[in-house]
Protein backbone atom coordinates (compact mmCIF):
# COMPACT_ATOMS: atom_id res chain seq x y z
CA UNK A 1 -8.86 -17.48 11.89
CA UNK A 2 -5.25 -16.31 11.63
CA UNK A 3 -3.88 -14.13 8.85
CA UNK A 4 -2.36 -16.99 6.84
CA UNK A 5 -5.65 -18.92 6.83
CA UNK A 6 -7.52 -15.78 5.78
CA UNK A 7 -5.10 -15.24 2.89
CA UNK A 8 -5.56 -18.81 1.71
CA UNK A 9 -9.35 -18.49 1.86
CA UNK A 10 -9.19 -15.22 -0.05
CA UNK A 11 -7.02 -16.78 -2.76
CA UNK A 12 -9.39 -19.75 -3.06
CA UNK A 13 -12.34 -17.40 -3.46
CA UNK A 14 -10.41 -15.22 -5.90
CA UNK A 15 -9.51 -18.20 -8.07
CA UNK A 16 -13.18 -19.13 -8.35
CA UNK A 17 -14.20 -15.69 -9.63
CA UNK A 18 -15.41 -15.64 -13.21
CA UNK A 19 -16.25 -11.94 -13.46
CA UNK A 20 -13.57 -9.89 -15.17
CA UNK A 21 -15.13 -6.77 -13.65
CA UNK A 22 -14.81 -8.16 -10.12
CA UNK A 23 -11.19 -9.13 -10.72
CA UNK A 24 -10.45 -5.65 -12.06
CA UNK A 25 -11.97 -4.06 -8.96
CA UNK A 26 -9.92 -6.31 -6.68
CA UNK A 27 -6.75 -5.50 -8.64
CA UNK A 28 -7.43 -1.78 -8.15
CA UNK A 29 -7.95 -2.28 -4.42
CA UNK A 30 -4.71 -4.26 -4.15
CA UNK A 31 -2.70 -1.66 -6.10
CA UNK A 32 -4.12 1.13 -3.94
CA UNK A 33 -3.32 -0.76 -0.75
CA UNK A 34 0.25 -1.49 -1.88
CA UNK A 35 0.72 2.20 -2.68
CA UNK A 36 -0.61 3.20 0.76
CA UNK A 37 1.78 0.80 2.49
CA UNK A 38 4.76 2.17 0.55
CA UNK A 39 3.79 5.76 1.31
CA UNK A 40 3.21 4.94 4.98
CA UNK A 41 6.68 3.37 5.32
CA UNK A 42 8.45 6.18 3.46
CA UNK A 43 10.19 8.65 5.74
CA UNK A 44 12.03 11.33 3.79
CA UNK A 45 15.13 12.85 5.34
CA UNK A 46 14.99 16.31 6.72
CA UNK A 47 17.26 18.90 5.18
CA UNK A 48 19.44 18.73 8.30
CA UNK A 49 19.80 14.93 8.00
CA UNK A 50 20.67 15.24 4.32
CA UNK A 51 23.29 17.89 5.06
CA UNK A 52 24.79 15.69 7.78
CA UNK A 53 25.04 12.74 5.40
CA UNK A 54 26.70 14.90 2.77
CA UNK A 55 29.19 16.21 5.32
CA UNK A 56 29.93 12.68 6.52
CA UNK A 57 30.41 11.45 2.96
CA UNK A 58 32.78 14.28 2.15
CA UNK A 59 34.75 13.60 5.32
CA UNK A 60 34.94 9.89 4.49
CA UNK A 61 36.23 10.70 1.02
CA UNK A 62 38.89 13.07 2.37
CA UNK A 63 40.06 10.35 4.78
CA UNK A 64 40.13 7.68 2.07
CA UNK A 65 37.22 5.73 3.60
CA UNK A 66 35.53 4.63 0.40
CA UNK A 67 35.54 1.85 -2.18
CA UNK A 68 35.97 2.23 -5.88
CA UNK A 69 33.23 1.02 -8.15
CA UNK A 70 35.69 -1.29 -9.89
CA UNK A 71 36.53 -2.94 -6.55
CA UNK A 72 32.87 -3.54 -5.81
CA UNK A 73 32.19 -4.88 -9.29
CA UNK A 74 35.14 -7.27 -9.17
CA UNK A 75 33.82 -8.69 -5.90
CA UNK A 76 30.61 -9.82 -7.58
CA UNK A 77 32.03 -11.21 -10.84
């Protein structure tokens, strides 16, 4: 059974649940799993990377390589 079929079966079973306690437990598991996925995908910058980005941003600003907020906002109005 592929992942999509498993999801559909899970949803069908979930919709048939009548126990509020069981639903609460499944909600907790889902929230915990979502948190784990977010934490797993999060890669903070090193101090060196952050410093490099700051230096690049400052250099861009000095060389007029930036956009004003008003220009960006007018684009989306």
